[in-house]
């Protein structure tokens, strides 16, 4: 009889521990999803916007949202874009129209963003709108959420 009681207590404690663990993981994932989605919106606007008159400031603003190998890729891409943007007097303003989580965990989240880019340059009369979709992978870094990968879809 005593053995059954010990087994029952161990079983109950095991189930309670598993329940707490899965609840904690679910809570951590929910917090990560909310925080990273907000960060993804701000990052997309900064990364995909620039103004030829203040190009360096635009790039500096974008750098605060990137990490790892993607920071290097961003630096290379913007360096290559600088001359064309200046020559064309390009102004690009990005706005996120919608966002949703593709996958997520407590330390890494993939967010699909619908991004409208409003473009003006010497070759365009008025303003042109490009509708883009991009998946940003965000990771915890430097006390916040940073983009570690961007993939156009």
N, C-alpha and C. Protein backbone atom coordinates (compact mmCIF):
# COMPACT_ATOMS: atom_id res chain seq x y z
N UNK A 1 0.81 -1.20 0.00
CA UNK A 1 0.00 0.00 0.00
C UNK A 1 0.86 1.27 0.00
N UNK A 2 1.91 1.24 0.82
CA UNK A 2 2.79 2.40 0.91
C UNK A 2 3.53 2.62 -0.42
N UNK A 3 3.89 1.55 -1.07
CA UNK A 3 4.58 1.64 -2.35
C UNK A 3 3.69 2.30 -3.39
N UNK A 4 2.42 1.98 -3.41
CA UNK A 4 1.46 2.59 -4.35
C UNK A 4 1.34 4.09 -4.08
N UNK A 5 1.34 4.45 -2.83
CA UNK A 5 1.24 5.87 -2.46
C UNK A 5 2.47 6.63 -2.95
N UNK A 6 3.66 6.04 -2.80
CA UNK A 6 4.90 6.68 -3.26
C UNK A 6 4.87 6.82 -4.78
N UNK A 7 4.45 5.76 -5.48
CA UNK A 7 4.35 5.82 -6.94
C UNK A 7 3.36 6.89 -7.36
N UNK A 8 2.22 6.96 -6.69
CA UNK A 8 1.21 7.97 -7.01
C UNK A 8 1.75 9.38 -6.79
N UNK A 9 2.46 9.60 -5.70
CA UNK A 9 3.02 10.92 -5.40
C UNK A 9 4.07 11.29 -6.46
N UNK A 10 4.94 10.35 -6.82
CA UNK A 10 5.95 10.61 -7.84
C UNK A 10 5.29 10.92 -9.17
N UNK A 11 4.24 10.18 -9.51
CA UNK A 11 3.52 10.42 -10.76
C UNK A 11 2.87 11.80 -10.77
N UNK A 12 2.23 12.17 -9.69
CA UNK A 12 1.59 13.49 -9.60
C UNK A 12 2.63 14.60 -9.69
N UNK A 13 3.74 14.43 -8.99
CA UNK A 13 4.79 15.46 -9.05
C UNK A 13 5.38 15.55 -10.46
N UNK A 14 5.55 14.44 -11.13
CA UNK A 14 6.06 14.44 -12.50
C UNK A 14 5.10 15.15 -13.45
N UNK A 15 3.82 14.86 -13.33
CA UNK A 15 2.83 15.53 -14.18
C UNK A 15 2.76 17.03 -13.89
N UNK A 16 2.85 17.38 -12.62
CA UNK A 16 2.81 18.80 -12.26
C UNK A 16 4.04 19.52 -12.82
N UNK A 17 5.20 18.87 -12.72
CA UNK A 17 6.43 19.48 -13.25
C UNK A 17 6.34 19.64 -14.76
N UNK A 18 5.86 18.63 -15.45
CA UNK A 18 5.71 18.72 -16.91
C UNK A 18 4.73 19.81 -17.28
N UNK A 19 3.63 19.91 -16.55
CA UNK A 19 2.64 20.96 -16.81
C UNK A 19 3.24 22.34 -16.63
N UNK A 20 4.00 22.52 -15.55
CA UNK A 20 4.64 23.82 -15.32
C UNK A 20 5.63 24.13 -16.43
N UNK A 21 6.44 23.13 -16.81
CA UNK A 21 7.45 23.34 -17.86
C UNK A 21 6.79 23.77 -19.16
N UNK A 22 5.77 23.05 -19.61
CA UNK A 22 5.12 23.38 -20.88
C UNK A 22 4.39 24.72 -20.81
N UNK A 23 3.84 25.03 -19.67
CA UNK A 23 3.18 26.34 -19.50
C UNK A 23 4.21 27.46 -19.57
N UNK A 24 5.36 27.24 -18.94
CA UNK A 24 6.42 28.25 -18.97
C UNK A 24 6.95 28.44 -20.39
N UNK A 25 7.16 27.35 -21.12
CA UNK A 25 7.62 27.43 -22.49
C UNK A 25 6.61 28.18 -23.37
N UNK A 26 5.34 27.88 -23.18
CA UNK A 26 4.28 28.55 -23.95
C UNK A 26 4.28 30.06 -23.64
N UNK A 27 4.42 30.40 -22.38
CA UNK A 27 4.45 31.82 -21.99
C UNK A 27 5.67 32.52 -22.60
N UNK A 28 6.85 31.88 -22.52
CA UNK A 28 8.07 32.47 -23.07
C UNK A 28 7.94 32.67 -24.57
N UNK A 29 7.33 31.70 -25.27
CA UNK A 29 7.13 31.82 -26.71
C UNK A 29 6.20 32.97 -27.02
N UNK A 30 5.11 33.10 -26.27
CA UNK A 30 4.16 34.20 -26.50
C UNK A 30 4.82 35.56 -26.31
N UNK A 31 5.61 35.69 -25.28
CA UNK A 31 6.32 36.96 -25.03
C UNK A 31 7.29 37.22 -26.18
N UNK A 32 8.03 36.20 -26.60
CA UNK A 32 8.99 36.35 -27.70
C UNK A 32 8.29 36.76 -28.99
N UNK A 33 7.15 36.16 -29.27
CA UNK A 33 6.40 36.49 -30.49
C UNK A 33 5.95 37.94 -30.46
N UNK A 34 5.40 38.39 -29.35
CA UNK A 34 4.94 39.79 -29.26
C UNK A 34 6.10 40.77 -29.41
N UNK A 35 7.18 40.53 -28.68
CA UNK A 35 8.32 41.44 -28.72
C UNK A 35 8.99 41.45 -30.09
N UNK A 36 9.19 40.28 -30.66
CA UNK A 36 9.90 40.20 -31.94
C UNK A 36 9.06 40.75 -33.09
N UNK A 37 7.76 40.58 -33.03
CA UNK A 37 6.90 41.14 -34.09
C UNK A 37 6.96 42.67 -34.07
N UNK A 38 6.93 43.25 -32.89
CA UNK A 38 7.07 44.71 -32.79
C UNK A 38 8.43 45.15 -33.31
N UNK A 39 9.48 44.41 -32.94
CA UNK A 39 10.82 44.74 -33.41
C UNK A 39 10.93 44.57 -34.93
N UNK A 40 10.27 43.55 -35.48
CA UNK A 40 10.32 43.30 -36.93
C UNK A 40 9.69 44.46 -37.70
N UNK A 41 8.59 45.00 -37.20
CA UNK A 41 7.96 46.14 -37.86
C UNK A 41 8.89 47.33 -37.92
N UNK A 42 9.49 47.67 -36.79
CA UNK A 42 10.42 48.80 -36.76
C UNK A 42 11.65 48.52 -37.62
N UNK A 43 12.15 47.29 -37.56
CA UNK A 43 13.34 46.93 -38.34
C UNK A 43 13.07 47.04 -39.83
N UNK A 44 11.93 46.54 -40.29
CA UNK A 44 11.61 46.58 -41.72
C UNK A 44 11.55 48.02 -42.22
N UNK A 45 10.94 48.88 -41.44
CA UNK A 45 10.85 50.29 -41.85
C UNK A 45 12.25 50.90 -41.96
N UNK A 46 13.12 50.58 -41.00
CA UNK A 46 14.47 51.15 -41.02
C UNK A 46 15.34 50.52 -42.11
N UNK A 47 15.25 49.22 -42.27
CA UNK A 47 16.13 48.52 -43.22
C UNK A 47 15.79 48.78 -44.67
N UNK A 48 14.51 48.98 -44.95
CA UNK A 48 14.07 49.10 -46.33
C UNK A 48 13.68 50.52 -46.73
N UNK A 49 14.11 51.49 -45.95
CA UNK A 49 13.90 52.91 -46.25
C UNK A 49 15.25 53.61 -46.36
N UNK A 50 15.31 54.59 -47.24
CA UNK A 50 16.51 55.43 -47.31
C UNK A 50 16.18 56.70 -48.09
N UNK A 51 17.01 57.69 -47.86
CA UNK A 51 16.88 58.97 -48.54
C UNK A 51 18.28 59.38 -48.99
N UNK A 52 18.44 59.64 -50.27
CA UNK A 52 19.77 59.96 -50.80
C UNK A 52 20.39 61.17 -50.10
N UNK A 53 19.55 62.10 -49.59
CA UNK A 53 20.07 63.31 -48.94
C UNK A 53 20.66 63.02 -47.57
N UNK A 54 20.24 61.92 -46.96
CA UNK A 54 20.75 61.55 -45.63
C UNK A 54 21.02 60.04 -45.60
N UNK A 55 21.65 59.56 -46.67
CA UNK A 55 21.84 58.12 -46.84
C UNK A 55 22.60 57.50 -45.67
N UNK A 56 23.67 58.13 -45.25
CA UNK A 56 24.48 57.57 -44.16
C UNK A 56 23.67 57.47 -42.87
N UNK A 57 22.84 58.46 -42.60
CA UNK A 57 22.00 58.41 -41.41
C UNK A 57 20.97 57.29 -41.52
N UNK A 58 20.43 57.08 -42.73
CA UNK A 58 19.48 55.99 -42.94
C UNK A 58 20.14 54.64 -42.66
N UNK A 59 21.36 54.47 -43.13
CA UNK A 59 22.09 53.22 -42.92
C UNK A 59 22.44 53.04 -41.44
N UNK A 60 22.86 54.10 -40.81
CA UNK A 60 23.17 54.03 -39.38
C UNK A 60 21.93 53.62 -38.60
N UNK A 61 20.78 54.17 -38.95
CA UNK A 61 19.53 53.80 -38.30
C UNK A 61 19.24 52.31 -38.52
N UNK A 62 19.44 51.82 -39.72
CA UNK A 62 19.20 50.42 -40.01
C UNK A 62 20.12 49.47 -39.27
N UNK A 63 21.36 49.89 -39.05
CA UNK A 63 22.35 49.03 -38.38
C UNK A 63 21.93 48.64 -36.97
N UNK A 64 21.15 49.47 -36.31
CA UNK A 64 20.76 49.15 -34.93
C UNK A 64 19.81 47.96 -34.86
N UNK A 65 19.28 47.53 -36.00
CA UNK A 65 18.32 46.44 -36.03
C UNK A 65 18.90 45.11 -36.50
N UNK A 66 20.20 45.04 -36.81
CA UNK A 66 20.78 43.83 -37.39
C UNK A 66 21.87 43.24 -36.50
N UNK A 67 22.14 41.96 -36.72
CA UNK A 67 23.18 41.28 -35.94
C UNK A 67 23.80 40.16 -36.77
N UNK A 68 24.95 39.71 -36.32
CA UNK A 68 25.60 38.55 -36.93
C UNK A 68 25.99 38.77 -38.37
N UNK A 69 25.94 37.69 -39.14
CA UNK A 69 26.33 37.74 -40.55
C UNK A 69 25.44 38.68 -41.35
N UNK A 70 24.19 38.84 -40.91
CA UNK A 70 23.31 39.74 -41.64
C UNK A 70 23.76 41.19 -41.51
N UNK A 71 24.40 41.55 -40.43
CA UNK A 71 24.94 42.91 -40.28
C UNK A 71 25.98 43.19 -41.35
N UNK A 72 26.82 42.20 -41.63
CA UNK A 72 27.82 42.33 -42.69
C UNK A 72 27.15 42.44 -44.06
N UNK A 73 26.16 41.59 -44.29
CA UNK A 73 25.43 41.62 -45.56
C UNK A 73 24.72 42.96 -45.76
N UNK A 74 24.13 43.48 -44.70
CA UNK A 74 23.45 44.78 -44.78
C UNK A 74 24.45 45.88 -45.12
N UNK A 75 25.61 45.85 -44.48
CA UNK A 75 26.65 46.86 -44.74
C UNK A 75 27.11 46.81 -46.20
N UNK A 76 27.29 45.62 -46.72
CA UNK A 76 27.73 45.46 -48.12
C UNK A 76 26.65 45.93 -49.09
N UNK A 77 25.42 45.56 -48.81
CA UNK A 77 24.30 45.93 -49.70
C UNK A 77 24.12 47.44 -49.73
N UNK A 78 24.14 48.07 -48.58
CA UNK A 78 23.92 49.52 -48.54
C UNK A 78 25.11 50.27 -49.14
N UNK A 79 26.31 49.74 -48.99
CA UNK A 79 27.48 50.38 -49.60
C UNK A 79 27.35 50.34 -51.12
N UNK A 80 26.87 49.22 -51.65
CA UNK A 80 26.70 49.11 -53.10
C UNK A 80 25.55 49.97 -53.60
N UNK A 81 24.57 50.21 -52.77
CA UNK A 81 23.38 50.98 -53.15
C UNK A 81 23.62 52.49 -53.11
N UNK A 82 24.56 52.91 -52.31
CA UNK A 82 24.78 54.35 -52.06
C UNK A 82 24.94 55.17 -53.34
N UNK A 83 25.80 54.76 -54.24
CA UNK A 83 26.07 55.53 -55.47
C UNK A 83 24.82 55.64 -56.34
N UNK A 84 24.11 54.54 -56.51
CA UNK A 84 22.89 54.56 -57.33
C UNK A 84 21.82 55.44 -56.69
N UNK A 85 21.68 55.35 -55.38
CA UNK A 85 20.67 56.16 -54.70
C UNK A 85 20.97 57.65 -54.84
N UNK A 86 22.24 58.01 -54.74
CA UNK A 86 22.63 59.40 -54.88
C UNK A 86 22.43 59.89 -56.32
N UNK A 87 22.85 59.09 -57.27
CA UNK A 87 22.72 59.46 -58.68
C UNK A 87 21.26 59.63 -59.08
N UNK A 88 20.40 58.76 -58.59
CA UNK A 88 18.98 58.78 -58.95
C UNK A 88 18.14 59.70 -58.04
N UNK A 89 18.76 60.29 -57.03
CA UNK A 89 18.04 61.10 -56.04
C UNK A 89 16.88 60.28 -55.46
N UNK A 90 17.21 59.06 -55.08
CA UNK A 90 16.20 58.11 -54.63
C UNK A 90 15.78 58.35 -53.18
N UNK A 91 14.48 58.30 -52.99
CA UNK A 91 13.89 58.35 -51.66
C UNK A 91 12.93 57.17 -51.59
N UNK A 92 13.18 56.29 -50.63
CA UNK A 92 12.35 55.11 -50.45
C UNK A 92 11.86 55.09 -49.00
N UNK A 93 10.55 55.02 -48.86
CA UNK A 93 9.93 54.97 -47.53
C UNK A 93 9.16 53.66 -47.41
N UNK A 94 9.56 52.83 -46.45
CA UNK A 94 8.93 51.52 -46.27
C UNK A 94 7.91 51.58 -45.14
N UNK A 95 6.77 50.94 -45.39
CA UNK A 95 5.73 50.81 -44.37
C UNK A 95 5.27 49.36 -44.35
N UNK A 96 5.11 48.82 -43.16
CA UNK A 96 4.61 47.46 -43.00
C UNK A 96 3.09 47.53 -42.99
N UNK A 97 2.48 46.79 -43.93
CA UNK A 97 1.02 46.79 -43.97
C UNK A 97 0.43 45.64 -43.18
N UNK A 98 1.19 44.56 -43.00
CA UNK A 98 0.70 43.41 -42.25
C UNK A 98 1.88 42.55 -41.84
N UNK A 99 1.73 41.84 -40.74
CA UNK A 99 2.79 40.96 -40.25
C UNK A 99 2.17 39.75 -39.57
N UNK A 100 2.86 38.64 -39.67
CA UNK A 100 2.42 37.43 -38.99
C UNK A 100 3.60 36.52 -38.71
N UNK A 101 3.48 35.74 -37.68
CA UNK A 101 4.56 34.85 -37.27
C UNK A 101 4.51 33.57 -38.10
N UNK A 102 5.64 33.21 -38.69
CA UNK A 102 5.77 31.96 -39.44
C UNK A 102 6.11 30.83 -38.47
N UNK A 103 7.10 31.07 -37.62
CA UNK A 103 7.48 30.11 -36.60
C UNK A 103 8.15 30.87 -35.47
N UNK A 104 8.13 30.27 -34.31
CA UNK A 104 8.73 30.99 -33.20
C UNK A 104 9.03 30.13 -32.01
N UNK A 105 10.05 30.55 -31.31
CA UNK A 105 10.44 29.95 -30.05
C UNK A 105 10.88 31.07 -29.13
N UNK A 106 11.32 30.73 -27.96
CA UNK A 106 11.69 31.78 -26.99
C UNK A 106 12.87 32.65 -27.42
N UNK A 107 13.75 32.11 -28.30
CA UNK A 107 14.96 32.85 -28.66
C UNK A 107 15.11 33.16 -30.14
N UNK A 108 14.19 32.66 -30.98
CA UNK A 108 14.24 32.94 -32.42
C UNK A 108 12.83 32.89 -32.98
N UNK A 109 12.50 33.92 -33.78
CA UNK A 109 11.17 34.02 -34.36
C UNK A 109 11.31 34.44 -35.82
N UNK A 110 10.53 33.80 -36.69
CA UNK A 110 10.46 34.21 -38.10
C UNK A 110 9.14 34.93 -38.31
N UNK A 111 9.22 36.13 -38.87
CA UNK A 111 8.05 36.97 -39.08
C UNK A 111 7.91 37.28 -40.56
N UNK A 112 6.74 37.01 -41.12
CA UNK A 112 6.42 37.38 -42.50
C UNK A 112 5.83 38.77 -42.48
N UNK A 113 6.41 39.66 -43.29
CA UNK A 113 5.94 41.04 -43.34
C UNK A 113 5.55 41.40 -44.77
N UNK A 114 4.43 42.10 -44.89
CA UNK A 114 4.04 42.70 -46.16
C UNK A 114 4.50 44.14 -46.07
N UNK A 115 5.42 44.50 -46.93
CA UNK A 115 6.07 45.82 -46.86
C UNK A 115 5.78 46.58 -48.15
N UNK A 116 5.21 47.75 -48.01
CA UNK A 116 5.02 48.66 -49.14
C UNK A 116 6.19 49.64 -49.13
N UNK A 117 6.84 49.76 -50.29
CA UNK A 117 7.91 50.74 -50.42
C UNK A 117 7.46 51.82 -51.39
N UNK A 118 7.40 53.04 -50.89
CA UNK A 118 7.00 54.21 -51.67
C UNK A 118 8.28 54.84 -52.20
N UNK A 119 8.45 54.80 -53.54
CA UNK A 119 9.70 55.24 -54.15
C UNK A 119 9.50 56.50 -54.98
N UNK A 120 10.51 57.37 -54.88
CA UNK A 120 10.62 58.54 -55.75
C UNK A 120 12.06 58.64 -56.21
N UNK A 121 12.24 59.00 -57.48
CA UNK A 121 13.58 59.30 -57.99
C UNK A 121 13.44 60.10 -59.28
N UNK A 122 14.56 60.40 -59.91
CA UNK A 122 14.54 61.27 -61.09
C UNK A 122 13.83 60.62 -62.27
N UNK A 123 13.72 59.31 -62.28
CA UNK A 123 13.09 58.62 -63.40
C UNK A 123 11.59 58.37 -63.21
N UNK A 124 11.05 58.74 -62.06
CA UNK A 124 9.65 58.45 -61.75
C UNK A 124 8.90 59.77 -61.60
N UNK A 125 7.77 59.87 -62.27
CA UNK A 125 6.89 61.01 -62.06
C UNK A 125 5.97 60.65 -60.90
N UNK A 126 6.00 61.46 -59.88
CA UNK A 126 5.19 61.16 -58.71
C UNK A 126 5.87 60.11 -57.84
N UNK A 127 5.06 59.18 -57.36
CA UNK A 127 5.56 58.17 -56.45
C UNK A 127 5.10 56.79 -56.92
N UNK A 128 5.98 55.82 -56.83
CA UNK A 128 5.64 54.45 -57.20
C UNK A 128 5.62 53.60 -55.94
N UNK A 129 4.69 52.64 -55.90
CA UNK A 129 4.59 51.76 -54.74
C UNK A 129 4.98 50.35 -55.17
N UNK A 130 5.94 49.79 -54.46
CA UNK A 130 6.32 48.39 -54.64
C UNK A 130 5.78 47.62 -53.44
N UNK A 131 5.07 46.55 -53.72
CA UNK A 131 4.53 45.70 -52.65
C UNK A 131 5.42 44.47 -52.53
N UNK A 132 6.04 44.32 -51.38
CA UNK A 132 7.00 43.25 -51.15
C UNK A 132 6.58 42.38 -49.97
N UNK A 133 7.07 41.16 -50.00
CA UNK A 133 6.93 40.26 -48.86
C UNK A 133 8.33 39.83 -48.45
N UNK A 134 8.56 39.82 -47.16
CA UNK A 134 9.87 39.44 -46.65
C UNK A 134 9.68 38.67 -45.34
N UNK A 135 10.53 37.66 -45.16
CA UNK A 135 10.56 36.94 -43.89
C UNK A 135 11.82 37.39 -43.16
N UNK A 136 11.63 37.96 -41.99
CA UNK A 136 12.75 38.36 -41.15
C UNK A 136 12.90 37.33 -40.03
N UNK A 137 14.12 36.86 -39.84
CA UNK A 137 14.42 36.00 -38.71
C UNK A 137 15.02 36.89 -37.64
N UNK A 138 14.39 36.88 -36.48
CA UNK A 138 14.86 37.71 -35.38
C UNK A 138 15.35 36.82 -34.25
N UNK A 139 16.46 37.24 -33.62
CA UNK A 139 17.04 36.51 -32.51
C UNK A 139 17.26 37.49 -31.35
N UNK A 140 17.31 36.92 -30.17
CA UNK A 140 17.65 37.75 -29.01
C UNK A 140 19.11 38.15 -29.09
N UNK A 141 19.36 39.44 -29.02
CA UNK A 141 20.75 39.94 -29.07
C UNK A 141 20.79 41.33 -28.45
N UNK A 142 21.81 41.59 -27.70
CA UNK A 142 22.04 42.93 -27.12
C UNK A 142 20.83 43.43 -26.34
N UNK A 143 20.17 42.55 -25.62
CA UNK A 143 19.04 42.96 -24.79
C UNK A 143 17.75 43.21 -25.54
N UNK A 144 17.68 42.81 -26.79
CA UNK A 144 16.46 43.02 -27.57
C UNK A 144 16.38 42.00 -28.68
N UNK A 145 15.63 42.34 -29.71
CA UNK A 145 15.44 41.46 -30.86
C UNK A 145 16.08 42.10 -32.08
N UNK A 146 16.97 41.35 -32.74
CA UNK A 146 17.69 41.85 -33.90
C UNK A 146 17.47 40.92 -35.09
N UNK A 147 17.53 41.48 -36.29
CA UNK A 147 17.37 40.70 -37.51
C UNK A 147 18.68 39.96 -37.81
N UNK A 148 18.58 38.64 -37.93
CA UNK A 148 19.76 37.85 -38.26
C UNK A 148 19.68 37.31 -39.69
N UNK A 149 18.52 37.50 -40.34
CA UNK A 149 18.34 37.04 -41.73
C UNK A 149 17.13 37.71 -42.31
N UNK A 150 17.22 38.02 -43.60
CA UNK A 150 16.08 38.56 -44.35
C UNK A 150 15.96 37.79 -45.66
N UNK A 151 14.75 37.36 -45.96
CA UNK A 151 14.52 36.57 -47.15
C UNK A 151 13.30 37.13 -47.87
N UNK A 152 13.50 37.60 -49.11
CA UNK A 152 12.38 38.07 -49.91
C UNK A 152 11.60 36.87 -50.42
N UNK A 153 10.29 36.95 -50.34
CA UNK A 153 9.44 35.86 -50.84
C UNK A 153 8.47 36.36 -51.87
